[in-house]
Amino acid sequence: MSDRLRGSCLCGGVRYVCSGPLRQMARCSCIQCRKASGAEFATNAMVAQGSFQLLAGRDLLREFESSPGQMRVFCGRCGSPVYKRYSGDPEAIRIRTGLLDDAFDERPQLQVFVSEKLAITRVDDSIPSFERGVPAPPER
């Protein structure tokens, strides 16, 4: 993977760069991701907040709190979902891999919320799937 990945929204008004690696790449079939993307699932990846640099379009960004503490950030002109940030984890954001302009080598590592998938969605048996989100690790 390139050290820096460029991304942009549909209208090109919002442009950014981020550096990898893309972590926790997941296909999410939850109803919120489906509605936000207009697709049968969204592919998202975590990047460090400090590695994400907005190059253009700050004035176009809008936010929507889809769940308590979860802000979906999108282009107010074309509606492209740019990233999601969490009030409980200000050091990380989840980008939408569909907005990346550069090629990358990472592949989804898991599928989440398969219980909410559309009937037409095929689950990829080669990667782990979870009915809801990723289960929390057991407490020690």
Protein backbone atom coordinates (compact mmCIF):
# COMPACT_ATOMS: atom_id res chain seq x y z
CA MET A 1 0.00 0.00 0.00
CA SER A 2 1.10 3.53 -0.66
CA ASP A 3 2.07 5.50 2.41
CA ARG A 4 -0.48 8.15 1.48
CA LEU A 5 -3.90 7.60 0.02
CA ARG A 6 -5.95 10.33 -1.64
CA GLY A 7 -9.72 10.46 -1.35
CA SER A 8 -12.51 12.70 -2.59
CA CYS A 9 -16.28 13.00 -2.65
CA LEU A 10 -18.47 12.63 -5.74
CA CYS A 11 -18.46 16.34 -6.62
CA GLY A 12 -14.73 16.72 -5.84
CA GLY A 13 -15.34 19.53 -3.37
CA VAL A 14 -14.03 17.50 -0.41
CA ARG A 15 -10.51 16.13 -0.88
CA TYR A 16 -8.22 14.51 1.66
CA VAL A 17 -5.12 12.40 2.17
CA CYS A 18 -4.52 9.82 4.84
CA SER A 19 -1.71 7.46 5.62
CA GLY A 20 -2.10 3.79 6.32
CA PRO A 21 -2.33 1.22 7.23
CA LEU A 22 -6.07 0.82 6.79
CA ARG A 23 -7.08 -1.05 9.94
CA GLN A 24 -10.14 -3.05 10.87
CA MET A 25 -11.51 -2.96 7.34
CA ALA A 26 -15.05 -4.26 7.49
CA ARG A 27 -18.07 -4.73 5.30
CA CYS A 28 -21.02 -3.48 7.31
CA SER A 29 -24.60 -4.40 6.45
CA CYS A 30 -26.26 -2.48 9.29
CA ILE A 31 -29.26 -0.46 8.23
CA GLN A 32 -27.47 2.83 9.05
CA CYS A 33 -24.51 2.04 6.77
CA ARG A 34 -26.85 0.84 4.05
CA LYS A 35 -28.92 4.01 4.21
CA ALA A 36 -25.86 6.30 4.47
CA SER A 37 -24.22 4.67 1.45
CA GLY A 38 -27.25 3.76 -0.64
CA ALA A 39 -25.68 0.35 -1.18
CA GLU A 40 -26.26 -3.13 0.17
CA PHE A 41 -23.25 -2.72 2.51
CA ALA A 42 -20.51 -0.20 3.23
CA THR A 43 -16.81 -0.99 3.37
CA ASN A 44 -15.11 1.06 6.06
CA ALA A 45 -11.59 1.18 7.47
CA MET A 46 -10.07 2.76 10.56
CA VAL A 47 -7.27 5.32 10.24
CA ALA A 48 -5.59 7.34 12.92
CA GLN A 49 -7.10 10.81 13.28
CA GLY A 50 -3.61 12.31 13.00
CA SER A 51 -3.04 10.64 9.62
CA PHE A 52 -6.14 12.18 8.04
CA GLN A 53 -5.60 15.57 6.43
CA LEU A 54 -8.39 17.51 4.77
CA LEU A 55 -7.07 19.27 1.66
CA ALA A 56 -10.26 20.99 0.49
CA GLY A 57 -13.93 21.31 1.35
CA ARG A 58 -13.97 21.91 5.08
CA ASP A 59 -16.84 24.35 4.53
CA LEU A 60 -18.80 21.62 2.70
CA LEU A 61 -18.64 19.08 5.51
CA ARG A 62 -21.80 18.38 7.48
CA GLU A 63 -22.31 16.06 10.43
CA PHE A 64 -25.16 13.85 11.51
CA GLU A 65 -25.24 12.05 14.86
CA SER A 66 -26.66 8.70 13.75
CA SER A 67 -26.26 7.09 17.19
CA PRO A 68 -25.19 8.67 20.48
CA GLY A 69 -21.53 9.65 20.12
CA GLN A 70 -21.25 8.56 16.47
CA MET A 71 -20.95 11.39 13.98
CA ARG A 72 -21.30 10.64 10.27
CA VAL A 73 -19.48 13.31 8.28
CA PHE A 74 -20.54 13.87 4.68
CA CYS A 75 -20.27 16.37 1.84
CA GLY A 76 -23.15 18.83 2.09
CA ARG A 77 -23.12 19.40 -1.67
CA CYS A 78 -23.17 15.87 -3.13
CA GLY A 79 -23.98 13.78 -0.03
CA SER A 80 -20.94 11.48 -0.20
CA PRO A 81 -20.24 9.88 3.20
CA VAL A 82 -16.64 10.88 3.94
CA TYR A 83 -15.94 9.44 7.41
CA LYS A 84 -17.38 8.60 10.79
CA ARG A 85 -15.95 9.77 14.08
CA TYR A 86 -16.64 8.65 17.62
CA SER A 87 -16.82 10.93 20.64
CA GLY A 88 -15.51 8.08 22.81
CA ASP A 89 -12.42 7.54 20.61
CA PRO A 90 -11.21 10.89 19.25
CA GLU A 91 -7.95 9.37 18.00
CA ALA A 92 -9.57 7.27 15.27
CA ILE A 93 -11.97 7.73 12.39
CA ARG A 94 -13.59 5.29 9.95
CA ILE A 95 -13.27 6.27 6.31
CA ARG A 96 -15.41 4.96 3.47
CA THR A 97 -13.05 3.05 1.21
CA GLY A 98 -15.24 3.80 -1.80
CA LEU A 99 -14.07 7.43 -1.67
CA LEU A 100 -10.38 6.52 -2.03
CA ASP A 101 -8.89 7.65 -5.36
CA ASP A 102 -5.72 5.58 -5.01
CA ALA A 103 -5.40 1.81 -5.19
CA PHE A 104 -4.77 -0.05 -1.95
CA ASP A 105 -3.89 -3.66 -1.14
CA GLU A 106 -5.85 -4.23 2.05
CA ARG A 107 -8.92 -6.46 1.94
CA PRO A 108 -11.88 -6.58 4.32
CA GLN A 109 -11.02 -8.52 7.44
CA LEU A 110 -14.55 -9.08 8.66
CA GLN A 111 -18.24 -8.65 7.94
CA VAL A 112 -20.50 -7.15 10.59
CA PHE A 113 -24.24 -6.85 11.08
CA VAL A 114 -24.90 -9.70 8.65
CA SER A 115 -28.20 -10.16 10.50
CA GLU A 116 -29.34 -6.89 8.86
CA LYS A 117 -28.12 -7.69 5.34
CA LEU A 118 -30.42 -7.53 2.35
CA ALA A 119 -31.62 -10.83 0.89
CA ILE A 120 -29.51 -10.18 -2.24
CA THR A 121 -26.27 -9.72 -0.25
CA ARG A 122 -23.87 -12.64 -0.44
CA VAL A 123 -21.73 -13.24 2.62
CA ASP A 124 -18.07 -13.90 1.79
CA ASP A 125 -17.29 -17.19 3.56
CA SER A 126 -13.54 -16.50 3.38
CA ILE A 127 -13.67 -13.78 6.06
CA PRO A 128 -15.18 -13.84 9.57
CA SER A 129 -18.81 -12.76 9.88
CA PHE A 130 -20.71 -11.46 12.88
CA GLU A 131 -24.47 -11.23 13.26
CA ARG A 132 -24.09 -7.87 15.02
CA GLY A 133 -20.89 -5.91 15.67
CA VAL A 134 -17.61 -7.48 16.68
CA PRO A 135 -17.96 -9.13 20.09
CA ALA A 136 -16.01 -7.44 22.86
CA PRO A 137 -13.01 -9.41 24.10
CA PRO A 138 -13.61 -11.20 27.41
CA GLU A 139 -12.69 -9.19 30.48
CA ARG A 140 -9.75 -10.46 32.48
